[in-house]
PDB file of N, CA and C in Angstrom:
ATOM      1  N   MET A   1     101.169 124.583 101.365  1.00  0.00           N
ATOM      2  CA  MET A   1     101.400 123.420 101.228  1.00  0.00           C
ATOM      3  C   MET A   1      99.967 122.379 101.354  1.00  0.00           C
ATOM      4  N   SER A   2      99.867 121.104 100.841  1.00  0.00           N
ATOM      5  CA  SER A   2      98.870 120.670 101.173  1.00  0.00           C
ATOM      6  C   SER A   2      98.931 119.800 102.277  1.00  0.00           C
ATOM      7  N   GLN A   3      97.904 119.679 102.859  1.00  0.00           N
ATOM      8  CA  GLN A   3      97.402 118.228 104.337  1.00  0.00           C
ATOM      9  C   GLN A   3      96.879 117.681 103.697  1.00  0.00           C
ATOM     10  N   THR A   4      96.843 116.150 104.021  1.00  0.00           N
ATOM     11  CA  THR A   4      96.296 115.609 103.403  1.00  0.00           C
ATOM     12  C   THR A   4      95.526 114.770 104.671  1.00  0.00           C
ATOM     13  N   PRO A   5      94.222 114.902 104.621  1.00  0.00           N
ATOM     14  CA  PRO A   5      93.144 114.661 105.957  1.00  0.00           C
ATOM     15  C   PRO A   5      93.866 112.902 105.960  1.00  0.00           C
ATOM     16  N   ASP A   6      93.053 112.503 107.636  1.00  0.00           N
ATOM     17  CA  ASP A   6      93.238 111.233 107.602  1.00  0.00           C
ATOM     18  C   ASP A   6      91.928 110.472 107.481  1.00  0.00           C
ATOM     19  N   ARG A   7      92.376 109.676 106.799  1.00  0.00           N
ATOM     20  CA  ARG A   7      91.140 109.171 106.475  1.00  0.00           C
ATOM     21  C   ARG A   7      90.438 108.034 107.334  1.00  0.00           C
ATOM     22  N   THR A   8      91.678 107.538 108.571  1.00  0.00           N
ATOM     23  CA  THR A   8      90.900 107.309 109.373  1.00  0.00           C
ATOM     24  C   THR A   8      90.333 108.004 110.424  1.00  0.00           C
ATOM     25  N   GLU A   9      90.641 109.386 110.323  1.00  0.00           N
ATOM     26  CA  GLU A   9      89.678 110.259 111.382  1.00  0.00           C
ATOM     27  C   GLU A   9      88.737 110.783 111.024  1.00  0.00           C
ATOM     28  N   ALA A  10      88.055 110.773 109.828  1.00  0.00           N
ATOM     29  CA  ALA A  10      87.462 111.718 109.173  1.00  0.00           C
ATOM     30  C   ALA A  10      86.199 110.720 109.725  1.00  0.00           C
ATOM     31  N   ARG A  11      85.249 111.647 109.778  1.00  0.00           N
ATOM     32  CA  ARG A  11      83.730 111.155 110.063  1.00  0.00           C
ATOM     33  C   ARG A  11      82.965 110.298 109.141  1.00  0.00           C
ATOM     34  N   ASN A  12      82.436 111.206 108.098  1.00  0.00           N
ATOM     35  CA  ASN A  12      82.012 111.323 107.006  1.00  0.00           C
ATOM     36  C   ASN A  12      83.068 110.884 105.495  1.00  0.00           C
ATOM     37  N   VAL A  13      82.525 110.207 104.650  1.00  0.00           N
ATOM     38  CA  VAL A  13      83.132 110.505 103.366  1.00  0.00           C
ATOM     39  C   VAL A  13      81.590 111.013 102.377  1.00  0.00           C
ATOM     40  N   TRP A  14      81.871 111.722 100.984  1.00  0.00           N
ATOM     41  CA  TRP A  14      80.717 111.989 100.100  1.00  0.00           C
ATOM     42  C   TRP A  14      80.824 110.506  99.497  1.00  0.00           C
ATOM     43  N   PHE A  15      79.839 109.949  98.722  1.00  0.00           N
ATOM     44  CA  PHE A  15      79.895 108.958  97.983  1.00  0.00           C
ATOM     45  C   PHE A  15      79.113 108.577  96.996  1.00  0.00           C
ATOM     46  N   VAL A  16      79.685 108.474  95.899  1.00  0.00           N
ATOM     47  CA  VAL A  16      78.923 108.758  94.607  1.00  0.00           C
ATOM     48  C   VAL A  16      78.929 107.572  93.945  1.00  0.00           C
ATOM     49  N   THR A  17      77.861 107.066  93.949  1.00  0.00           N
ATOM     50  CA  THR A  17      77.425 106.094  92.646  1.00  0.00           C
ATOM     51  C   THR A  17      76.580 106.673  91.566  1.00  0.00           C
ATOM     52  N   VAL A  18      76.660 105.618  90.159  1.00  0.00           N
ATOM     53  CA  VAL A  18      76.026 105.796  89.437  1.00  0.00           C
ATOM     54  C   VAL A  18      74.805 105.307  88.939  1.00  0.00           C
ATOM     55  N   ARG A  19      73.466 106.039  89.145  1.00  0.00           N
ATOM     56  CA  ARG A  19      72.178 105.443  88.420  1.00  0.00           C
ATOM     57  C   ARG A  19      72.530 104.877  86.834  1.00  0.00           C
ATOM     58  N   PRO A  20      71.097 103.601  86.616  1.00  0.00           N
ATOM     59  CA  PRO A  20      71.006 103.322  85.459  1.00  0.00           C
ATOM     60  C   PRO A  20      71.027 104.734  84.215  1.00  0.00           C
ATOM     61  N   ASP A  21      70.231 105.317  84.551  1.00  0.00           N
ATOM     62  CA  ASP A  21      70.603 106.497  83.634  1.00  0.00           C
ATOM     63  C   ASP A  21      71.683 107.701  83.423  1.00  0.00           C
ATOM     64  N   GLY A  22      72.791 107.141  83.981  1.00  0.00           N
ATOM     65  CA  GLY A  22      74.155 107.756  83.940  1.00  0.00           C
ATOM     66  C   GLY A  22      74.062 109.151  84.949  1.00  0.00           C
ATOM     67  N   ARG A  23      73.056 109.623  85.246  1.00  0.00           N
ATOM     68  CA  ARG A  23      73.355 110.615  86.632  1.00  0.00           C
ATOM     69  C   ARG A  23      74.120 109.833  87.873  1.00  0.00           C
ATOM     70  N   PRO A  24      74.287 111.068  89.098  1.00  0.00           N
ATOM     71  CA  PRO A  24      75.399 110.373  89.702  1.00  0.00           C
ATOM     72  C   PRO A  24      74.284 110.621  91.374  1.00  0.00           C
ATOM     73  N   HIS A  25      74.462 109.887  91.934  1.00  0.00           N
ATOM     74  CA  HIS A  25      73.916 109.547  92.671  1.00  0.00           C
ATOM     75  C   HIS A  25      75.042 109.511  94.103  1.00  0.00           C
ATOM     76  N   LEU A  26      74.905 111.425  95.420  1.00  0.00           N
ATOM     77  CA  LEU A  26      75.517 111.517  95.838  1.00  0.00           C
ATOM     78  C   LEU A  26      75.118 111.503  97.494  1.00  0.00           C
ATOM     79  N   VAL A  27      75.611 111.080  98.423  1.00  0.00           N
ATOM     80  CA  VAL A  27      74.974 110.903  99.744  1.00  0.00           C
ATOM     81  C   VAL A  27      76.516 110.510 100.404  1.00  0.00           C
ATOM     82  N   PRO A  28      76.554 111.700 102.123  1.00  0.00           N
ATOM     83  CA  PRO A  28      77.468 111.220 102.809  1.00  0.00           C
ATOM     84  C   PRO A  28      76.774 110.031 103.841  1.00  0.00           C
ATOM     85  N   ILE A  29      77.976 109.843 104.098  1.00  0.00           N
ATOM     86  CA  ILE A  29      78.295 107.817 104.793  1.00  0.00           C
ATOM     87  C   ILE A  29      79.264 107.818 106.348  1.00  0.00           C
ATOM     88  N   TRP A  30      78.560 106.892 106.944  1.00  0.00           N
ATOM     89  CA  TRP A  30      80.193 106.735 107.279  1.00  0.00           C
ATOM     90  C   TRP A  30      80.798 105.640 106.936  1.00  0.00           C
ATOM     91  N   PHE A  31      81.899 105.355 107.354  1.00  0.00           N
ATOM     92  CA  PHE A  31      82.791 104.738 106.472  1.00  0.00           C
ATOM     93  C   PHE A  31      83.896 104.050 107.129  1.00  0.00           C
ATOM     94  N   VAL A  32      84.517 103.297 106.842  1.00  0.00           N
ATOM     95  CA  VAL A  32      86.509 102.821 107.702  1.00  0.00           C
ATOM     96  C   VAL A  32      87.094 102.451 106.729  1.00  0.00           C
ATOM     97  N   VAL A  33      88.492 102.218 106.907  1.00  0.00           N
ATOM     98  CA  VAL A  33      89.007 101.513 105.786  1.00  0.00           C
ATOM     99  C   VAL A  33      90.276 100.908 106.228  1.00  0.00           C
ATOM    100  N   GLU A  34      90.591  99.523 105.269  1.00  0.00           N
ATOM    101  CA  GLU A  34      91.308  98.534 105.817  1.00  0.00           C
ATOM    102  C   GLU A  34      92.468  98.691 104.900  1.00  0.00           C
ATOM    103  N   GLY A  35      93.518  98.503 105.189  1.00  0.00           N
ATOM    104  CA  GLY A  35      94.381  98.619 103.655  1.00  0.00           C
ATOM    105  C   GLY A  35      93.888  99.488 102.588  1.00  0.00           C
ATOM    106  N   GLU A  36      94.032  98.906 101.704  1.00  0.00           N
ATOM    107  CA  GLU A  36      93.639  99.624 100.281  1.00  0.00           C
ATOM    108  C   GLU A  36      91.790  99.488  99.909  1.00  0.00           C
ATOM    109  N   HIS A  37      90.990  98.647 100.839  1.00  0.00           N
ATOM    110  CA  HIS A  37      89.538  99.340 100.522  1.00  0.00           C
ATOM    111  C   HIS A  37      89.156 100.220 102.282  1.00  0.00           C
ATOM    112  N   TRP A  38      87.611 100.415 101.540  1.00  0.00           N
ATOM    113  CA  TRP A  38      87.292 101.782 101.817  1.00  0.00           C
ATOM    114  C   TRP A  38      85.689 100.687 102.378  1.00  0.00           C
ATOM    115  N   TYR A  39      85.167 101.073 103.036  1.00  0.00           N
ATOM    116  CA  TYR A  39      83.650 100.013 103.038  1.00  0.00           C
ATOM    117  C   TYR A  39      82.842 101.105 103.778  1.00  0.00           C
ATOM    118  N   VAL A  40      81.717 100.949 103.362  1.00  0.00           N
ATOM    119  CA  VAL A  40      80.691 101.544 104.374  1.00  0.00           C
ATOM    120  C   VAL A  40      79.160 100.099 103.931  1.00  0.00           C
ATOM    121  N   CYS A  41      78.794 101.018 104.728  1.00  0.00           N
ATOM    122  CA  CYS A  41      77.204 100.011 105.195  1.00  0.00           C
ATOM    123  C   CYS A  41      75.863 100.778 104.614  1.00  0.00           C
ATOM    124  N   THR A  42      74.749  99.706 104.111  1.00  0.00           N
ATOM    125  CA  THR A  42      74.033 100.398 103.868  1.00  0.00           C
ATOM    126  C   THR A  42      72.840  99.607 103.610  1.00  0.00           C
ATOM    127  N   SER A  43      71.643  99.467 103.067  1.00  0.00           N
ATOM    128  CA  SER A  43      70.496  99.060 102.889  1.00  0.00           C
ATOM    129  C   SER A  43      70.651  98.277 101.845  1.00  0.00           C
ATOM    130  N   PRO A  44      70.464  97.040 101.544  1.00  0.00           N
ATOM    131  CA  PRO A  44      70.204  96.274 100.368  1.00  0.00           C
ATOM    132  C   PRO A  44      69.464  96.818  99.506  1.00  0.00           C
ATOM    133  N   THR A  45      68.916  97.382  99.666  1.00  0.00           N
ATOM    134  CA  THR A  45      67.642  97.855  98.685  1.00  0.00           C
ATOM    135  C   THR A  45      68.008  99.109  98.900  1.00  0.00           C
ATOM    136  N   SER A  46      68.624 100.135  98.844  1.00  0.00           N
ATOM    137  CA  SER A  46      69.030 101.533  98.827  1.00  0.00           C
ATOM    138  C   SER A  46      69.223 102.135  97.789  1.00  0.00           C
ATOM    139  N   ILE A  47      69.565 103.197  97.238  1.00  0.00           N
ATOM    140  CA  ILE A  47      69.776 103.693  95.697  1.00  0.00           C
ATOM    141  C   ILE A  47      71.264 103.203  95.534  1.00  0.00           C
ATOM    142  N   LYS A  48      71.505 103.589  96.193  1.00  0.00           N
ATOM    143  CA  LYS A  48      73.496 102.803  96.571  1.00  0.00           C
ATOM    144  C   LYS A  48      73.674 101.295  96.546  1.00  0.00           C
ATOM    145  N   ALA A  49      72.980 100.871  96.828  1.00  0.00           N
ATOM    146  CA  ALA A  49      73.208  99.500  96.598  1.00  0.00           C
ATOM    147  C   ALA A  49      72.209  99.099  95.230  1.00  0.00           C
ATOM    148  N   ARG A  50      71.533  99.397  94.787  1.00  0.00           N
ATOM    149  CA  ARG A  50      70.378  99.344  93.348  1.00  0.00           C
ATOM    150  C   ARG A  50      72.121  99.509  92.205  1.00  0.00           C
ATOM    151  N   ASN A  51      72.309 100.793  92.344  1.00  0.00           N
ATOM    152  CA  ASN A  51      73.291 101.313  91.315  1.00  0.00           C
ATOM    153  C   ASN A  51      74.680 100.571  91.638  1.00  0.00           C
ATOM    154  N   ILE A  52      75.017 100.183  92.714  1.00  0.00           N
ATOM    155  CA  ILE A  52      76.346  98.725  92.385  1.00  0.00           C
ATOM    156  C   ILE A  52      76.012  97.913  91.854  1.00  0.00           C
ATOM    157  N   ARG A  53      75.037  97.017  92.161  1.00  0.00           N
ATOM    158  CA  ARG A  53      74.690  95.688  91.271  1.00  0.00           C
ATOM    159  C   ARG A  53      74.464  96.165  89.917  1.00  0.00           C
ATOM    160  N   ALA A  54      74.028  97.445  89.223  1.00  0.00           N
ATOM    161  CA  ALA A  54      73.955  97.493  87.917  1.00  0.00           C
ATOM    162  C   ALA A  54      75.322  98.555  87.325  1.00  0.00           C
ATOM    163  N   ASN A  55      76.023  99.298  88.297  1.00  0.00           N
ATOM    164  CA  ASN A  55      77.169  99.738  87.915  1.00  0.00           C
ATOM    165  C   ASN A  55      78.132  99.850  88.876  1.00  0.00           C
ATOM    166  N   PRO A  56      79.229  99.177  89.365  1.00  0.00           N
ATOM    167  CA  PRO A  56      80.214  99.234  90.314  1.00  0.00           C
ATOM    168  C   PRO A  56      81.212 100.006  90.483  1.00  0.00           C
ATOM    169  N   SER A  57      81.211 101.122  89.411  1.00  0.00           N
ATOM    170  CA  SER A  57      82.073 102.255  89.439  1.00  0.00           C
ATOM    171  C   SER A  57      81.216 103.498  90.960  1.00  0.00           C
ATOM    172  N   VAL A  58      82.169 103.822  91.323  1.00  0.00           N
ATOM    173  CA  VAL A  58      82.163 104.671  92.115  1.00  0.00           C
ATOM    174  C   VAL A  58      83.060 105.759  92.449  1.00  0.00           C
ATOM    175  N   ALA A  59      83.558 107.044  93.393  1.00  0.00           N
ATOM    176  CA  ALA A  59      83.869 107.779  94.016  1.00  0.00           C
ATOM    177  C   ALA A  59      83.784 107.950  95.148  1.00  0.00           C
ATOM    178  N   LEU A  60      84.658 108.238  96.072  1.00  0.00           N
ATOM    179  CA  LEU A  60      84.472 108.412  97.540  1.00  0.00           C
ATOM    180  C   LEU A  60      85.755 110.289  97.816  1.00  0.00           C
ATOM    181  N   ALA A  61      84.980 110.934  98.623  1.00  0.00           N
ATOM    182  CA  ALA A  61      85.368 112.189  98.872  1.00  0.00           C
ATOM    183  C   ALA A  61      85.322 112.654 100.272  1.00  0.00           C
ATOM    184  N   LEU A  62      86.389 113.046 100.978  1.00  0.00           N
ATOM    185  CA  LEU A  62      86.511 113.047 102.434  1.00  0.00           C
ATOM    186  C   LEU A  62      85.915 114.860 102.351  1.00  0.00           C
ATOM    187  N   GLU A  63      84.958 115.012 103.396  1.00  0.00           N
ATOM    188  CA  GLU A  63      84.091 116.313 104.022  1.00  0.00           C
ATOM    189  C   GLU A  63      85.489 118.000 103.680  1.00  0.00           C
ATOM    190  N   ASP A  64      86.525 117.485 104.082  1.00  0.00           N
ATOM    191  CA  ASP A  64      87.519 118.642 103.986  1.00  0.00           C
ATOM    192  C   ASP A  64      87.686 119.078 102.500  1.00  0.00           C
ATOM    193  N   GLY A  65      87.138 120.209 102.105  1.00  0.00           N
ATOM    194  CA  GLY A  65      87.690 120.631 100.792  1.00  0.00           C
ATOM    195  C   GLY A  65      88.424 121.606 100.619  1.00  0.00           C
ATOM    196  N   ASP A  66      88.843 122.036 102.055  1.00  0.00           N
ATOM    197  CA  ASP A  66      90.207 122.449 101.836  1.00  0.00           C
ATOM    198  C   ASP A  66      91.579 122.009 101.322  1.00  0.00           C
ATOM    199  N   HIS A  67      91.715 120.539 102.265  1.00  0.00           N
ATOM    200  CA  HIS A  67      92.217 119.640 101.590  1.00  0.00           C
ATOM    201  C   HIS A  67      91.579 118.292 101.129  1.00  0.00           C
ATOM    202  N   PRO A  68      91.538 118.356  99.532  1.00  0.00           N
ATOM    203  CA  PRO A  68      90.539 117.639  99.290  1.00  0.00           C
ATOM    204  C   PRO A  68      91.370 115.358  99.115  1.00  0.00           C
ATOM    205  N   TYR A  69      90.523 114.940  99.282  1.00  0.00           N
ATOM    206  CA  TYR A  69      91.136 113.599  99.349  1.00  0.00           C
ATOM    207  C   TYR A  69      89.691 112.922  98.478  1.00  0.00           C
ATOM    208  N   VAL A  70      90.199 112.645  97.430  1.00  0.00           N
ATOM    209  CA  VAL A  70      88.696 111.446  96.336  1.00  0.00           C
ATOM    210  C   VAL A  70      89.680 110.326  95.704  1.00  0.00           C
ATOM    211  N   VAL A  71      88.890 109.342  95.939  1.00  0.00           N
ATOM    212  CA  VAL A  71      89.593 107.859  95.387  1.00  0.00           C
ATOM    213  C   VAL A  71      88.596 107.674  94.552  1.00  0.00           C
ATOM    214  N   GLU A  72      88.713 106.879  93.402  1.00  0.00           N
ATOM    215  CA  GLU A  72      87.887 105.870  92.372  1.00  0.00           C
ATOM    216  C   GLU A  72      88.314 104.649  92.787  1.00  0.00           C
ATOM    217  N   GLY A  73      87.144 104.089  92.495  1.00  0.00           N
ATOM    218  CA  GLY A  73      86.852 102.385  92.166  1.00  0.00           C
ATOM    219  C   GLY A  73      85.921 101.989  92.102  1.00  0.00           C
ATOM    220  N   GLN A  74      85.803 100.777  92.225  1.00  0.00           N
ATOM    221  CA  GLN A  74      84.900  99.920  92.126  1.00  0.00           C
ATOM    222  C   GLN A  74      84.687  99.093  93.530  1.00  0.00           C
ATOM    223  N   ALA A  75      83.131  98.911  93.393  1.00  0.00           N
ATOM    224  CA  ALA A  75      82.937  98.454  94.766  1.00  0.00           C
ATOM    225  C   ALA A  75      81.519  97.308  94.143  1.00  0.00           C
ATOM    226  N   ARG A  76      81.800  96.745  95.663  1.00  0.00           N
ATOM    227  CA  ARG A  76      81.149  95.320  95.373  1.00  0.00           C
ATOM    228  C   ARG A  76      80.501  95.032  97.061  1.00  0.00           C
ATOM    229  N   PRO A  77      79.482  93.837  97.146  1.00  0.00           N
ATOM    230  CA  PRO A  77      79.122  94.003  98.520  1.00  0.00           C
ATOM    231  C   PRO A  77      79.552  92.715  98.860  1.00  0.00           C
ATOM    232  N   VAL A  78      80.010  92.640 100.071  1.00  0.00           N
ATOM    233  CA  VAL A  78      81.063  91.767 100.688  1.00  0.00           C
ATOM    234  C   VAL A  78      80.494  90.964 102.160  1.00  0.00           C
ATOM    235  N   ALA A  79      80.932  90.065 102.410  1.00  0.00           N
ATOM    236  CA  ALA A  79      80.684  89.272 104.006  1.00  0.00           C
ATOM    237  C   ALA A  79      81.298  90.445 105.041  1.00  0.00           C
ATOM    238  N   ALA A  80      81.143  90.898 106.047  1.00  0.00           N
ATOM    239  CA  ALA A  80      81.989  91.283 107.408  1.00  0.00           C
ATOM    240  C   ALA A  80      83.197  90.882 107.336  1.00  0.00           C
ATOM    241  N   THR A  81      84.453  91.138 108.000  1.00  0.00           N
ATOM    242  CA  THR A  81      85.245  90.765 108.117  1.00  0.00           C
ATOM    243  C   THR A  81      84.975  91.161 109.761  1.00  0.00           C
ATOM    244  N   ASP A  82      86.228  90.562 110.735  1.00  0.00           N
ATOM    245  CA  ASP A  82      85.916  90.849 112.268  1.00  0.00           C
ATOM    246  C   ASP A  82      86.694  91.894 112.049  1.00  0.00           C
ATOM    247  N   GLY A  83      88.034  92.071 111.295  1.00  0.00           N
ATOM    248  CA  GLY A  83      88.235  93.243 111.216  1.00  0.00           C
ATOM    249  C   GLY A  83      87.666  94.680 110.413  1.00  0.00           C
ATOM    250  N   VAL A  84      86.643  94.742 110.238  1.00  0.00           N
ATOM    251  CA  VAL A  84      85.882  95.226 109.251  1.00  0.00           C
ATOM    252  C   VAL A  84      84.950  96.109 110.724  1.00  0.00           C
ATOM    253  N   VAL A  85      84.068  94.800 110.982  1.00  0.00           N
ATOM    254  CA  VAL A  85      83.475  94.983 112.681  1.00  0.00           C
ATOM    255  C   VAL A  85      83.858  95.943 113.816  1.00  0.00           C
ATOM    256  N   GLN A  86      85.054  95.288 113.703  1.00  0.00           N
ATOM    257  CA  GLN A  86      86.118  95.936 115.187  1.00  0.00           C
ATOM    258  C   GLN A  86      86.252  97.613 114.435  1.00  0.00           C
ATOM    259  N   LYS A  87      86.788  98.036 113.177  1.00  0.00           N
ATOM    260  CA  LYS A  87      86.757  99.541 113.187  1.00  0.00           C
ATOM    261  C   LYS A  87      85.246  99.925 112.961  1.00  0.00           C
ATOM    262  N   PHE A  88      84.550  99.655 112.737  1.00  0.00           N
ATOM    263  CA  PHE A  88      83.500 100.071 112.520  1.00  0.00           C
ATOM    264  C   PHE A  88      83.037 100.803 114.080  1.00  0.00           C
ATOM    265  N   LYS A  89      83.074  99.220 115.515  1.00  0.00           N
ATOM    266  CA  LYS A  89      82.320  99.647 116.886  1.00  0.00           C
ATOM    267  C   LYS A  89      83.861 100.791 117.415  1.00  0.00           C
ATOM    268  N   ALA A  90      84.919 100.752 116.494  1.00  0.00           N
ATOM    269  CA  ALA A  90      85.772 101.654 117.017  1.00  0.00           C
ATOM    270  C   ALA A  90      85.577 103.130 116.758  1.00  0.00           C
ATOM    271  N   LYS A  91      85.270 103.382 115.732  1.00  0.00           N
ATOM    272  CA  LYS A  91      84.819 105.055 115.121  1.00  0.00           C
ATOM    273  C   LYS A  91      83.684 105.171 115.912  1.00  0.00           C
ATOM    274  N   TYR A  92      82.511 103.982 115.158  1.00  0.00           N
ATOM    275  CA  TYR A  92      81.193 104.992 115.609  1.00  0.00           C
ATOM    276  C   TYR A  92      80.745 104.294 116.984  1.00  0.00           C
ATOM    277  N   ASP A  93      80.970 103.275 117.525  1.00  0.00           N
ATOM    278  CA  ASP A  93      80.110 102.539 118.159  1.00  0.00           C
ATOM    279  C   ASP A  93      79.326 102.324 117.820  1.00  0.00           C
ATOM    280  N   TRP A  94      79.188 101.482 116.638  1.00  0.00           N
ATOM    281  CA  TRP A  94      78.354 100.688 115.830  1.00  0.00           C
ATOM    282  C   TRP A  94      78.544  99.514 115.590  1.00  0.00           C
ATOM    283  N   ASP A  95      77.972  98.374 115.682  1.00  0.00           N
ATOM    284  CA  ASP A  95      78.024  96.725 115.710  1.00  0.00           C
ATOM    285  C   ASP A  95      77.310  96.755 114.577  1.00  0.00           C
ATOM    286  N   ILE A  96      78.223  96.800 113.414  1.00  0.00           N
ATOM    287  CA  ILE A  96      77.385  96.074 112.143  1.00  0.00           C
ATOM    288  C   ILE A  96      76.591  94.975 112.100  1.00  0.00           C
ATOM    289  N   THR A  97      76.779  94.227 112.539  1.00  0.00           N
ATOM    290  CA  THR A  97      76.632  92.876 112.561  1.00  0.00           C
ATOM    291  C   THR A  97      75.310  92.378 113.219  1.00  0.00           C
ATOM    292  N   VAL A  98      74.879  93.666 113.781  1.00  0.00           N
ATOM    293  CA  VAL A  98      73.298  93.155 114.429  1.00  0.00           C
ATOM    294  C   VAL A  98      72.476  94.144 114.175  1.00  0.00           C
ATOM    295  N   ASP A  99      72.705  95.135 112.927  1.00  0.00           N
ATOM    296  CA  ASP A  99      71.657  96.216 112.693  1.00  0.00           C
ATOM    297  C   ASP A  99      71.049  95.254 111.710  1.00  0.00           C
ATOM    298  N   SER A 100      69.570  95.557 112.046  1.00  0.00           N
ATOM    299  CA  SER A 100      68.736  95.481 111.187  1.00  0.00           C
ATOM    300  C   SER A 100      68.031  96.029 109.674  1.00  0.00           C
ATOM    301  N   GLN A 101      68.818  97.130 109.551  1.00  0.00           N
ATOM    302  CA  GLN A 101      68.278  97.819 108.482  1.00  0.00           C
ATOM    303  C   GLN A 101      69.931  97.929 107.512  1.00  0.00           C
ATOM    304  N   TYR A 102      70.840  98.559 108.092  1.00  0.00           N
ATOM    305  CA  TYR A 102      71.388  98.742 107.146  1.00  0.00           C
ATOM    306  C   TYR A 102      72.959  97.132 106.998  1.00  0.00           C
ATOM    307  N   THR A 103      72.423  96.191 106.226  1.00  0.00           N
ATOM    308  CA  THR A 103      73.229  94.605 106.627  1.00  0.00           C
ATOM    309  C   THR A 103      74.308  94.870 105.370  1.00  0.00           C
ATOM    310  N   GLN A 104      73.675  95.426 104.291  1.00  0.00           N
ATOM    311  CA  GLN A 104      74.678  95.441 103.434  1.00  0.00           C
ATOM    312  C   GLN A 104      75.887  96.026 103.323  1.00  0.00           C
ATOM    313  N   LEU A 105      77.192  95.568 103.492  1.00  0.00           N
ATOM    314  CA  LEU A 105      78.510  96.150 103.701  1.00  0.00           C
ATOM    315  C   LEU A 105      78.932  95.912 101.929  1.00  0.00           C
ATOM    316  N   ILE A 106      79.523  97.267 101.826  1.00  0.00           N
ATOM    317  CA  ILE A 106      80.035  97.121 100.392  1.00  0.00           C
ATOM    318  C   ILE A 106      81.443  97.546 100.562  1.00  0.00           C
ATOM    319  N   GLU A 107      82.392  96.760  99.945  1.00  0.00           N
ATOM    320  CA  GLU A 107      83.744  97.404  99.461  1.00  0.00           C
ATOM    321  C   GLU A 107      84.169  97.522  98.582  1.00  0.00           C
ATOM    322  N   VAL A 108      84.909  98.863  98.550  1.00  0.00           N
ATOM    323  CA  VAL A 108      84.932  99.757  97.419  1.00  0.00           C
ATOM    324  C   VAL A 108      86.901  99.472  97.187  1.00  0.00           C
ATOM    325  N   THR A 109      87.216  99.111  96.400  1.00  0.00           N
ATOM    326  CA  THR A 109      88.814  98.709  95.892  1.00  0.00           C
ATOM    327  C   THR A 109      89.223 100.017  94.699  1.00  0.00           C
ATOM    328  N   VAL A 110      90.158 100.556  95.494  1.00  0.00           N
ATOM    329  CA  VAL A 110      90.821 101.988  95.109  1.00  0.00           C
ATOM    330  C   VAL A 110      91.189 101.972  93.533  1.00  0.00           C
ATOM    331  N   SER A 111      90.902 102.162  92.590  1.00  0.00           N
ATOM    332  CA  SER A 111      91.648 101.909  91.075  1.00  0.00           C
ATOM    333  C   SER A 111      92.482 103.076  90.892  1.00  0.00           C
ATOM    334  N   ARG A 112      91.877 104.555  91.504  1.00  0.00           N
ATOM    335  CA  ARG A 112      92.783 106.109  91.190  1.00  0.00           C
ATOM    336  C   ARG A 112      92.469 106.894  92.374  1.00  0.00           C
ATOM    337  N   GLN A 113      93.430 107.316  93.305  1.00  0.00           N
ATOM    338  CA  GLN A 113      93.491 108.211  94.055  1.00  0.00           C
ATOM    339  C   GLN A 113      94.421 109.744  93.989  1.00  0.00           C
ATOM    340  N   LEU A 114      93.321 110.706  94.044  1.00  0.00           N
ATOM    341  CA  LEU A 114      93.678 111.963  93.984  1.00  0.00           C
ATOM    342  C   LEU A 114      93.480 112.780  95.283  1.00  0.00           C
ATOM    343  N   LEU A 115      94.815 112.974  94.970  1.00  0.00           N
ATOM    344  CA  LEU A 115      95.055 114.248  96.264  1.00  0.00           C
ATOM    345  C   LEU A 115      94.767 115.880  95.772  1.00  0.00           C
ATOM    346  N   GLY A 116      94.530 116.534  96.415  1.00  0.00           N
ATOM    347  CA  GLY A 116      95.407 117.990  96.287  1.00  0.00           C
ATOM    348  C   GLY A 116      95.398 118.812  97.392  1.00  0.00           C
ATOM    349  N   GLY A 117      94.965 120.356  97.702  1.00  0.00           N
ATOM    350  CA  GLY A 117      95.508 121.175  98.878  1.00  0.00           C
ATOM    351  C   GLY A 117      94.952 122.677  98.401  1.00  0.00           C
TER     352      GLY A 117
END
């Protein structure tokens, strides 16, 4: 029987963006979920951020390969809301509003959700 991982408790997510030449860029990253949106913070000059500016299509997968949880969607830079800031503080003890390196908040709007087991 399949058991869906708890996306609010998972520590990391594998985040996939698409390079301009079509190759995938895959990295683990901290994240939070609010409603149907997933959020990550990165440097605005990171490969992830540059890829998203060129192509907003992304995929995210929780680390638990025994109970896969994968989503696909569209990413865009957004301003931090109080709710998202509080979620990062509660989950990672990290205040994203005062970080000097990871200043770009990315919101992913999920268009497809894949569950497996």
